[in-house]
N, C-alpha and C. Protein backbone atom coordinates (compact mmCIF):
# COMPACT_ATOMS: atom_id res chain seq x y z
N MET A 1 0.81 -1.18 0.00
CA MET A 1 0.00 0.00 0.00
C MET A 1 0.86 1.26 0.00
N ASN A 2 1.92 1.28 0.85
CA ASN A 2 2.80 2.44 0.90
C ASN A 2 3.51 2.66 -0.43
N ALA A 3 3.86 1.57 -1.12
CA ALA A 3 4.56 1.70 -2.40
C ALA A 3 3.66 2.40 -3.42
N ARG A 4 2.37 2.04 -3.45
CA ARG A 4 1.43 2.68 -4.38
C ARG A 4 1.28 4.15 -4.06
N ARG A 5 1.17 4.46 -2.79
CA ARG A 5 1.01 5.86 -2.37
C ARG A 5 2.25 6.67 -2.76
N ASN A 6 3.42 6.11 -2.52
CA ASN A 6 4.66 6.81 -2.86
C ASN A 6 4.78 7.03 -4.37
N ILE A 7 4.40 6.03 -5.17
CA ILE A 7 4.42 6.17 -6.62
C ILE A 7 3.43 7.26 -7.05
N GLY A 8 2.26 7.27 -6.42
CA GLY A 8 1.25 8.29 -6.74
C GLY A 8 1.75 9.69 -6.42
N ILE A 9 2.44 9.84 -5.29
CA ILE A 9 2.98 11.15 -4.91
C ILE A 9 4.05 11.59 -5.90
N VAL A 10 4.90 10.69 -6.32
CA VAL A 10 5.95 11.00 -7.29
C VAL A 10 5.33 11.41 -8.63
N LEU A 11 4.31 10.68 -9.08
CA LEU A 11 3.65 11.01 -10.35
C LEU A 11 2.98 12.38 -10.28
N VAL A 12 2.32 12.71 -9.19
CA VAL A 12 1.69 14.03 -9.04
C VAL A 12 2.76 15.11 -9.05
N GLY A 13 3.90 14.86 -8.39
CA GLY A 13 4.99 15.83 -8.39
C GLY A 13 5.54 16.06 -9.79
N CYS A 14 5.72 14.98 -10.56
CA CYS A 14 6.21 15.09 -11.94
C CYS A 14 5.22 15.87 -12.79
N LEU A 15 3.95 15.60 -12.62
CA LEU A 15 2.91 16.32 -13.37
C LEU A 15 2.93 17.80 -13.05
N ALA A 16 3.13 18.15 -11.79
CA ALA A 16 3.20 19.55 -11.38
C ALA A 16 4.39 20.24 -12.02
N VAL A 17 5.53 19.55 -12.10
CA VAL A 17 6.74 20.12 -12.73
C VAL A 17 6.48 20.36 -14.22
N VAL A 18 5.86 19.39 -14.91
CA VAL A 18 5.58 19.52 -16.34
C VAL A 18 4.61 20.67 -16.59
N LEU A 19 3.56 20.77 -15.83
CA LEU A 19 2.58 21.85 -16.01
C LEU A 19 3.19 23.21 -15.73
N THR A 20 4.06 23.31 -14.74
CA THR A 20 4.73 24.57 -14.43
C THR A 20 5.66 24.96 -15.57
N ALA A 21 6.36 24.00 -16.15
CA ALA A 21 7.29 24.28 -17.25
C ALA A 21 6.54 24.73 -18.51
N CYS A 22 5.34 24.21 -18.73
CA CYS A 22 4.56 24.59 -19.91
C CYS A 22 4.06 26.01 -19.81
N GLY A 23 3.73 26.46 -18.65
CA GLY A 23 3.25 27.84 -18.47
C GLY A 23 1.86 28.03 -19.05
N ASN A 24 1.46 29.29 -19.11
CA ASN A 24 0.13 29.65 -19.62
C ASN A 24 0.30 30.31 -20.99
N ASP A 25 -0.16 29.64 -22.06
CA ASP A 25 -0.01 30.17 -23.42
C ASP A 25 -0.75 31.48 -23.62
N GLN A 26 -1.81 31.74 -22.88
CA GLN A 26 -2.59 32.95 -23.08
C GLN A 26 -1.81 34.19 -22.68
N GLU A 27 -0.88 34.08 -21.76
CA GLU A 27 -0.09 35.24 -21.35
C GLU A 27 0.87 35.67 -22.45
N ALA A 28 1.30 34.74 -23.31
CA ALA A 28 2.30 35.04 -24.32
C ALA A 28 1.73 35.81 -25.51
N SER A 29 0.42 35.74 -25.76
CA SER A 29 -0.14 36.42 -26.92
C SER A 29 -1.21 37.41 -26.48
N PRO A 30 -0.86 38.69 -26.38
CA PRO A 30 -1.85 39.69 -26.00
C PRO A 30 -2.91 39.85 -27.09
N SER A 31 -4.13 40.13 -26.66
CA SER A 31 -5.20 40.27 -27.65
C SER A 31 -5.09 41.61 -28.34
N THR A 32 -5.44 41.60 -29.62
CA THR A 32 -5.42 42.81 -30.44
C THR A 32 -6.83 43.05 -30.94
N PRO A 33 -7.36 44.25 -30.77
CA PRO A 33 -8.72 44.50 -31.25
C PRO A 33 -8.77 44.42 -32.77
N GLU A 34 -9.92 43.91 -33.30
CA GLU A 34 -10.09 43.81 -34.74
C GLU A 34 -10.43 45.18 -35.31
N PRO A 35 -9.76 45.57 -36.40
CA PRO A 35 -10.09 46.86 -37.00
C PRO A 35 -11.40 46.80 -37.77
N THR A 36 -12.08 47.91 -37.84
CA THR A 36 -13.28 48.02 -38.66
C THR A 36 -12.86 48.63 -39.98
N VAL A 37 -13.23 47.99 -41.07
CA VAL A 37 -12.83 48.45 -42.40
C VAL A 37 -14.05 48.95 -43.14
N VAL A 38 -13.99 50.15 -43.68
CA VAL A 38 -15.10 50.72 -44.43
C VAL A 38 -14.63 51.03 -45.84
N ALA A 39 -15.32 50.49 -46.84
CA ALA A 39 -15.02 50.71 -48.26
C ALA A 39 -13.54 50.55 -48.55
N THR A 40 -13.02 49.37 -48.19
CA THR A 40 -11.60 49.11 -48.40
C THR A 40 -11.41 47.74 -49.01
N GLN A 41 -10.22 47.48 -49.46
CA GLN A 41 -9.86 46.18 -49.97
C GLN A 41 -8.65 45.72 -49.18
N ALA A 42 -8.67 44.49 -48.69
CA ALA A 42 -7.58 44.01 -47.84
C ALA A 42 -6.40 43.54 -48.67
N THR A 43 -5.20 43.86 -48.22
CA THR A 43 -3.96 43.41 -48.84
C THR A 43 -3.13 42.76 -47.75
N VAL A 44 -2.52 41.62 -48.07
CA VAL A 44 -1.73 40.91 -47.07
C VAL A 44 -0.28 41.36 -47.18
N VAL A 45 0.32 41.71 -46.03
CA VAL A 45 1.69 42.17 -45.97
C VAL A 45 2.43 41.29 -44.97
N LYS A 46 3.62 40.81 -45.33
CA LYS A 46 4.41 40.00 -44.39
C LYS A 46 5.51 40.87 -43.82
N THR A 47 5.69 40.81 -42.50
CA THR A 47 6.71 41.61 -41.83
C THR A 47 7.55 40.73 -40.93
N GLN A 48 8.77 41.16 -40.64
CA GLN A 48 9.65 40.45 -39.72
C GLN A 48 9.56 41.13 -38.36
N THR A 49 9.22 40.38 -37.32
CA THR A 49 9.10 40.93 -35.98
C THR A 49 9.93 40.08 -35.02
N PRO A 50 10.85 40.70 -34.27
CA PRO A 50 11.60 39.88 -33.30
C PRO A 50 10.70 39.48 -32.14
N VAL A 51 10.77 38.21 -31.77
CA VAL A 51 10.00 37.71 -30.64
C VAL A 51 11.00 37.28 -29.58
N PRO A 52 10.94 37.90 -28.36
CA PRO A 52 11.92 37.55 -27.34
C PRO A 52 11.75 36.11 -26.85
N THR A 53 12.88 35.44 -26.71
CA THR A 53 12.90 34.09 -26.13
C THR A 53 13.91 34.10 -25.01
N SER A 54 14.06 32.97 -24.36
CA SER A 54 14.98 32.92 -23.23
C SER A 54 16.43 33.09 -23.66
N SER A 55 16.78 32.68 -24.92
CA SER A 55 18.17 32.78 -25.34
C SER A 55 18.44 34.01 -26.19
N ALA A 56 17.66 34.24 -27.24
CA ALA A 56 17.89 35.39 -28.13
C ALA A 56 16.61 35.69 -28.90
N ALA A 57 16.55 36.87 -29.48
CA ALA A 57 15.40 37.24 -30.28
C ALA A 57 15.48 36.56 -31.64
N THR A 58 14.38 35.94 -32.06
CA THR A 58 14.32 35.24 -33.33
C THR A 58 13.30 35.94 -34.22
N PRO A 59 13.66 36.29 -35.47
CA PRO A 59 12.66 36.93 -36.33
C PRO A 59 11.55 35.96 -36.69
N VAL A 60 10.32 36.41 -36.64
CA VAL A 60 9.15 35.61 -36.97
C VAL A 60 8.37 36.37 -38.02
N THR A 61 7.89 35.69 -39.05
CA THR A 61 7.10 36.35 -40.09
C THR A 61 5.65 36.38 -39.65
N GLU A 62 5.07 37.58 -39.58
CA GLU A 62 3.66 37.75 -39.23
C GLU A 62 2.90 38.19 -40.47
N THR A 63 1.63 37.79 -40.59
CA THR A 63 0.79 38.23 -41.69
C THR A 63 -0.17 39.28 -41.15
N THR A 64 -0.19 40.43 -41.79
CA THR A 64 -1.02 41.54 -41.35
C THR A 64 -1.89 42.00 -42.51
N ALA A 65 -3.18 42.24 -42.26
CA ALA A 65 -4.07 42.77 -43.29
C ALA A 65 -3.99 44.28 -43.28
N VAL A 66 -3.75 44.85 -44.45
CA VAL A 66 -3.67 46.29 -44.60
C VAL A 66 -4.81 46.72 -45.51
N ALA A 67 -5.57 47.73 -45.11
CA ALA A 67 -6.72 48.17 -45.89
C ALA A 67 -6.29 49.20 -46.92
N THR A 68 -6.76 49.00 -48.15
CA THR A 68 -6.54 49.99 -49.20
C THR A 68 -7.89 50.37 -49.79
N PRO A 69 -8.12 51.64 -50.09
CA PRO A 69 -9.44 52.08 -50.57
C PRO A 69 -9.84 51.45 -51.89
N VAL A 70 -11.14 51.14 -52.01
CA VAL A 70 -11.71 50.66 -53.26
C VAL A 70 -12.24 51.89 -53.98
N VAL A 71 -11.74 52.16 -55.19
CA VAL A 71 -12.05 53.39 -55.89
C VAL A 71 -13.48 53.42 -56.40
N ASP A 72 -13.98 52.32 -56.95
CA ASP A 72 -15.29 52.31 -57.59
C ASP A 72 -16.42 51.82 -56.66
N ALA A 73 -16.34 52.09 -55.37
CA ALA A 73 -17.34 51.62 -54.41
C ALA A 73 -18.57 52.51 -54.43
N SER A 74 -19.73 51.88 -54.35
CA SER A 74 -21.00 52.60 -54.28
C SER A 74 -21.66 52.28 -52.95
N PRO A 75 -22.40 53.24 -52.38
CA PRO A 75 -23.11 52.93 -51.14
C PRO A 75 -24.19 51.88 -51.40
N LEU A 76 -24.36 50.99 -50.45
CA LEU A 76 -25.34 49.92 -50.58
C LEU A 76 -26.06 49.77 -49.25
N ALA A 77 -27.36 49.96 -49.26
CA ALA A 77 -28.19 49.75 -48.06
C ALA A 77 -28.96 48.47 -48.28
N GLY A 78 -29.08 47.67 -47.25
CA GLY A 78 -29.78 46.41 -47.39
C GLY A 78 -30.67 46.11 -46.21
N THR A 79 -31.65 45.28 -46.46
CA THR A 79 -32.53 44.77 -45.42
C THR A 79 -32.52 43.26 -45.52
N LEU A 80 -32.32 42.61 -44.41
CA LEU A 80 -32.31 41.16 -44.32
C LEU A 80 -33.57 40.77 -43.55
N VAL A 81 -34.45 40.00 -44.20
CA VAL A 81 -35.74 39.65 -43.61
C VAL A 81 -35.79 38.14 -43.40
N LEU A 82 -36.08 37.71 -42.17
CA LEU A 82 -36.25 36.29 -41.86
C LEU A 82 -37.74 35.99 -41.82
N VAL A 83 -38.20 35.27 -42.85
CA VAL A 83 -39.62 34.94 -42.96
C VAL A 83 -39.81 33.54 -42.38
N GLY A 84 -39.99 33.45 -41.11
CA GLY A 84 -40.14 32.17 -40.46
C GLY A 84 -41.20 32.26 -39.38
N GLN A 85 -41.19 31.31 -38.48
CA GLN A 85 -42.14 31.29 -37.38
C GLN A 85 -41.48 31.81 -36.11
N GLU A 86 -42.18 32.74 -35.45
CA GLU A 86 -41.66 33.25 -34.18
C GLU A 86 -41.61 32.10 -33.18
N HIS A 87 -40.59 32.06 -32.36
CA HIS A 87 -40.30 31.05 -31.34
C HIS A 87 -39.86 29.71 -31.94
N VAL A 88 -39.79 29.63 -33.28
CA VAL A 88 -39.25 28.45 -33.94
C VAL A 88 -37.97 28.85 -34.67
N ASP A 89 -38.07 29.88 -35.52
CA ASP A 89 -36.93 30.37 -36.30
C ASP A 89 -36.30 31.62 -35.70
N PHE A 90 -37.04 32.35 -34.88
CA PHE A 90 -36.55 33.60 -34.29
C PHE A 90 -37.39 33.98 -33.09
N TYR A 91 -36.84 34.91 -32.29
CA TYR A 91 -37.63 35.54 -31.24
C TYR A 91 -37.32 37.03 -31.27
N ILE A 92 -38.27 37.81 -30.83
CA ILE A 92 -38.12 39.26 -30.86
C ILE A 92 -38.07 39.77 -29.43
N SER A 93 -37.02 40.54 -29.13
CA SER A 93 -36.88 41.15 -27.81
C SER A 93 -36.89 42.66 -27.97
N SER A 94 -36.72 43.36 -26.88
CA SER A 94 -36.69 44.82 -26.95
C SER A 94 -35.46 45.32 -27.72
N ASP A 95 -34.41 44.47 -27.85
CA ASP A 95 -33.19 44.83 -28.60
C ASP A 95 -33.32 44.57 -30.10
N GLY A 96 -34.31 43.81 -30.51
CA GLY A 96 -34.46 43.45 -31.92
C GLY A 96 -34.71 41.96 -32.06
N CYS A 97 -34.56 41.49 -33.27
CA CYS A 97 -34.82 40.09 -33.59
C CYS A 97 -33.56 39.26 -33.44
N TYR A 98 -33.70 38.04 -32.92
CA TYR A 98 -32.60 37.10 -32.75
C TYR A 98 -32.99 35.79 -33.42
N GLY A 99 -32.15 35.30 -34.33
CA GLY A 99 -32.41 34.04 -35.01
C GLY A 99 -32.24 32.85 -34.08
N LEU A 100 -32.93 31.78 -34.39
CA LEU A 100 -32.83 30.52 -33.64
C LEU A 100 -32.46 29.40 -34.60
N GLY A 101 -31.92 28.31 -34.07
CA GLY A 101 -31.59 27.15 -34.89
C GLY A 101 -30.58 27.50 -35.96
N THR A 102 -30.92 27.20 -37.21
CA THR A 102 -30.04 27.49 -38.34
C THR A 102 -29.66 28.96 -38.41
N TRP A 103 -30.55 29.83 -37.97
CA TRP A 103 -30.36 31.28 -38.08
C TRP A 103 -29.82 31.92 -36.80
N ARG A 104 -29.30 31.15 -35.85
CA ARG A 104 -28.89 31.67 -34.55
C ARG A 104 -27.80 32.75 -34.61
N GLY A 105 -27.07 32.85 -35.71
CA GLY A 105 -26.05 33.89 -35.86
C GLY A 105 -26.60 35.23 -36.30
N LEU A 106 -27.89 35.27 -36.64
CA LEU A 106 -28.51 36.52 -37.07
C LEU A 106 -29.03 37.25 -35.84
N GLN A 107 -28.43 38.41 -35.59
CA GLN A 107 -28.81 39.22 -34.43
C GLN A 107 -28.23 40.62 -34.61
N PRO A 108 -28.76 41.60 -33.90
CA PRO A 108 -28.18 42.94 -34.01
C PRO A 108 -26.69 42.90 -33.68
N GLY A 109 -25.88 43.56 -34.49
CA GLY A 109 -24.44 43.61 -34.28
C GLY A 109 -23.66 42.54 -35.01
N ALA A 110 -24.35 41.53 -35.59
CA ALA A 110 -23.65 40.47 -36.32
C ALA A 110 -22.91 41.09 -37.51
N GLN A 111 -21.75 40.56 -37.83
CA GLN A 111 -20.92 41.10 -38.89
C GLN A 111 -21.49 40.78 -40.27
N VAL A 112 -21.44 41.77 -41.17
CA VAL A 112 -21.81 41.60 -42.57
C VAL A 112 -20.54 41.83 -43.38
N VAL A 113 -20.21 40.86 -44.24
CA VAL A 113 -18.99 40.95 -45.04
C VAL A 113 -19.37 41.02 -46.52
N VAL A 114 -18.78 41.99 -47.24
CA VAL A 114 -18.99 42.12 -48.68
C VAL A 114 -17.70 41.71 -49.37
N ARG A 115 -17.81 40.77 -50.33
CA ARG A 115 -16.65 40.29 -51.08
C ARG A 115 -16.91 40.45 -52.58
N ASP A 116 -15.84 40.70 -53.33
CA ASP A 116 -16.01 40.73 -54.78
C ASP A 116 -15.94 39.31 -55.31
N ALA A 117 -16.05 39.16 -56.64
CA ALA A 117 -16.10 37.83 -57.26
C ALA A 117 -14.85 37.01 -57.01
N SER A 118 -13.70 37.67 -56.76
CA SER A 118 -12.47 36.93 -56.49
C SER A 118 -12.35 36.52 -55.02
N GLY A 119 -13.31 36.93 -54.19
CA GLY A 119 -13.30 36.58 -52.77
C GLY A 119 -12.62 37.60 -51.89
N THR A 120 -12.17 38.72 -52.47
CA THR A 120 -11.51 39.77 -51.70
C THR A 120 -12.54 40.55 -50.89
N VAL A 121 -12.29 40.75 -49.61
CA VAL A 121 -13.19 41.53 -48.76
C VAL A 121 -13.09 42.99 -49.18
N VAL A 122 -14.23 43.59 -49.53
CA VAL A 122 -14.24 45.00 -49.94
C VAL A 122 -14.90 45.90 -48.90
N ASP A 123 -15.68 45.33 -47.98
CA ASP A 123 -16.26 46.13 -46.91
C ASP A 123 -16.78 45.21 -45.82
N VAL A 124 -16.86 45.76 -44.62
CA VAL A 124 -17.38 45.04 -43.46
C VAL A 124 -18.33 45.98 -42.75
N SER A 125 -19.46 45.46 -42.33
CA SER A 125 -20.47 46.26 -41.63
C SER A 125 -21.11 45.39 -40.55
N ASN A 126 -22.18 45.89 -39.95
CA ASN A 126 -22.90 45.13 -38.93
C ASN A 126 -24.40 45.20 -39.18
N LEU A 127 -25.11 44.16 -38.72
CA LEU A 127 -26.57 44.18 -38.78
C LEU A 127 -27.11 45.13 -37.72
N ILE A 128 -28.11 45.91 -38.10
CA ILE A 128 -28.75 46.86 -37.19
C ILE A 128 -30.19 46.39 -36.99
N ALA A 129 -30.66 46.39 -35.76
CA ALA A 129 -32.03 45.96 -35.49
C ALA A 129 -33.01 46.84 -36.25
N SER A 130 -33.99 46.23 -36.89
CA SER A 130 -35.01 46.97 -37.63
C SER A 130 -36.14 47.37 -36.68
N THR A 131 -36.73 48.51 -36.94
CA THR A 131 -37.83 48.98 -36.09
C THR A 131 -39.18 48.54 -36.63
N ASP A 132 -39.19 47.88 -37.80
CA ASP A 132 -40.44 47.40 -38.38
C ASP A 132 -40.94 46.17 -37.62
N ASP A 133 -42.22 45.82 -37.85
CA ASP A 133 -42.75 44.59 -37.28
C ASP A 133 -42.09 43.41 -37.97
N GLY A 134 -41.99 42.30 -37.29
CA GLY A 134 -41.40 41.11 -37.87
C GLY A 134 -39.92 41.00 -37.53
N CYS A 135 -39.27 40.07 -38.20
CA CYS A 135 -37.87 39.80 -37.94
C CYS A 135 -37.03 40.30 -39.10
N ALA A 136 -36.38 41.44 -38.91
CA ALA A 136 -35.57 42.03 -39.97
C ALA A 136 -34.41 42.83 -39.37
N TRP A 137 -33.38 42.98 -40.18
CA TRP A 137 -32.21 43.79 -39.82
C TRP A 137 -31.85 44.63 -41.04
N THR A 138 -31.18 45.74 -40.82
CA THR A 138 -30.68 46.55 -41.92
C THR A 138 -29.16 46.59 -41.83
N PHE A 139 -28.52 46.96 -42.93
CA PHE A 139 -27.08 47.17 -42.94
C PHE A 139 -26.75 48.22 -43.98
N GLU A 140 -25.68 48.94 -43.76
CA GLU A 140 -25.18 49.93 -44.71
C GLU A 140 -23.73 49.62 -44.98
N THR A 141 -23.38 49.58 -46.26
CA THR A 141 -22.05 49.18 -46.65
C THR A 141 -21.70 49.82 -47.99
N SER A 142 -20.55 49.51 -48.52
CA SER A 142 -20.15 49.94 -49.85
C SER A 142 -19.76 48.71 -50.65
N ALA A 143 -19.97 48.77 -51.96
CA ALA A 143 -19.65 47.64 -52.81
C ALA A 143 -19.23 48.13 -54.19
N PRO A 144 -18.36 47.40 -54.88
CA PRO A 144 -17.99 47.78 -56.24
C PRO A 144 -19.24 47.74 -57.13
N SER A 145 -19.46 48.78 -57.91
CA SER A 145 -20.69 48.88 -58.70
C SER A 145 -20.58 48.23 -60.06
N ASP A 146 -19.42 47.71 -60.42
CA ASP A 146 -19.24 47.18 -61.76
C ASP A 146 -19.14 45.65 -61.83
N ARG A 147 -19.48 44.95 -60.76
CA ARG A 147 -19.34 43.49 -60.78
C ARG A 147 -20.23 42.84 -59.72
N PHE A 148 -20.30 41.50 -59.79
CA PHE A 148 -21.03 40.74 -58.79
C PHE A 148 -20.34 40.88 -57.44
N VAL A 149 -21.12 40.89 -56.37
CA VAL A 149 -20.57 40.89 -55.02
C VAL A 149 -21.35 39.91 -54.16
N SER A 150 -20.71 39.45 -53.12
CA SER A 150 -21.33 38.55 -52.16
C SER A 150 -21.55 39.32 -50.85
N VAL A 151 -22.76 39.23 -50.32
CA VAL A 151 -23.06 39.78 -49.00
C VAL A 151 -23.27 38.58 -48.10
N SER A 152 -22.51 38.53 -47.00
CA SER A 152 -22.64 37.36 -46.13
C SER A 152 -22.61 37.75 -44.67
N VAL A 153 -23.26 36.91 -43.87
CA VAL A 153 -23.11 36.93 -42.43
C VAL A 153 -22.36 35.63 -42.15
N PRO A 154 -21.07 35.72 -41.77
CA PRO A 154 -20.24 34.53 -41.66
C PRO A 154 -20.88 33.41 -40.85
N MET A 155 -20.75 32.21 -41.38
CA MET A 155 -21.24 30.97 -40.79
C MET A 155 -22.77 30.88 -40.78
N VAL A 156 -23.47 31.82 -41.44
CA VAL A 156 -24.93 31.77 -41.45
C VAL A 156 -25.47 31.79 -42.87
N LEU A 157 -25.08 32.79 -43.67
CA LEU A 157 -25.62 32.90 -45.02
C LEU A 157 -24.67 33.65 -45.93
N GLU A 158 -24.86 33.45 -47.24
CA GLU A 158 -24.14 34.19 -48.26
C GLU A 158 -25.11 34.41 -49.40
N HIS A 159 -25.20 35.65 -49.89
CA HIS A 159 -26.13 36.00 -50.97
C HIS A 159 -25.37 36.82 -52.00
N TRP A 160 -25.44 36.41 -53.27
CA TRP A 160 -24.75 37.12 -54.34
C TRP A 160 -25.66 38.17 -54.93
N LEU A 161 -25.11 39.36 -55.21
CA LEU A 161 -25.85 40.45 -55.84
C LEU A 161 -25.24 40.74 -57.20
N THR A 162 -26.09 41.10 -58.17
CA THR A 162 -25.59 41.50 -59.47
C THR A 162 -25.14 42.96 -59.41
N ALA A 163 -24.41 43.39 -60.41
CA ALA A 163 -23.97 44.79 -60.47
C ALA A 163 -25.18 45.72 -60.51
N ASP A 164 -26.26 45.32 -61.19
CA ASP A 164 -27.47 46.15 -61.24
C ASP A 164 -28.08 46.32 -59.85
N GLU A 165 -28.10 45.27 -59.05
CA GLU A 165 -28.63 45.36 -57.69
C GLU A 165 -27.77 46.29 -56.83
N VAL A 166 -26.46 46.22 -57.02
CA VAL A 166 -25.55 47.09 -56.26
C VAL A 166 -25.79 48.55 -56.66
N VAL A 167 -25.92 48.81 -57.98
CA VAL A 167 -26.13 50.17 -58.47
C VAL A 167 -27.45 50.73 -57.95
N SER A 168 -28.47 49.87 -57.77
CA SER A 168 -29.76 50.36 -57.25
C SER A 168 -29.59 50.96 -55.86
N GLY A 169 -28.57 50.49 -55.12
CA GLY A 169 -28.26 51.06 -53.81
C GLY A 169 -29.09 50.54 -52.67
N ASN A 170 -30.11 49.73 -52.95
CA ASN A 170 -30.97 49.21 -51.87
C ASN A 170 -31.42 47.80 -52.25
N VAL A 171 -31.13 46.83 -51.40
CA VAL A 171 -31.51 45.45 -51.65
C VAL A 171 -32.28 44.89 -50.46
N VAL A 172 -33.15 43.93 -50.78
CA VAL A 172 -33.87 43.20 -49.73
C VAL A 172 -33.55 41.72 -49.94
N ILE A 173 -33.02 41.10 -48.89
CA ILE A 173 -32.70 39.67 -48.95
C ILE A 173 -33.67 38.97 -48.01
N GLU A 174 -34.53 38.10 -48.59
CA GLU A 174 -35.50 37.35 -47.79
C GLU A 174 -34.98 35.94 -47.57
N LEU A 175 -35.06 35.49 -46.33
CA LEU A 175 -34.63 34.15 -45.97
C LEU A 175 -35.86 33.31 -45.68
N PRO A 176 -35.84 32.04 -46.07
CA PRO A 176 -37.03 31.18 -45.86
C PRO A 176 -37.34 30.96 -44.39
């Protein structure tokens, strides 16, 4: 019995040493706030940044998104309407409409991303609670007026617009 207890104490001690040596990974990477991009196109830039280590600084390549203006952007206002059953597909609170189930990512403040046909992000916006009856949100963004664009709420939906719809300046996207 004593032999098992002693082995158990040694194993717990070894585990404590290993966990202490590993440290806390969250302390090593400070959080950086996400930038809000309006009527821009993202460009990837690689930079060399020294990262301190216990022995010497080692250069590490970081990828950073840099925003560059989109010249041919047109203002685009949109309304996203969820045509479903209340308490099944959505619920309405004093803050606005909140999606349920498949639509759970649809809510006031959810990110709206506009991409051109090549997949390049050209603008980012947010859903705004609609004051109308029913379940709807509005968004205001910019989009290239000479080509197809995708309007998406990440992980929830993606809807393609024609250049004519973008030029109209106002779109309504109805969801089943």
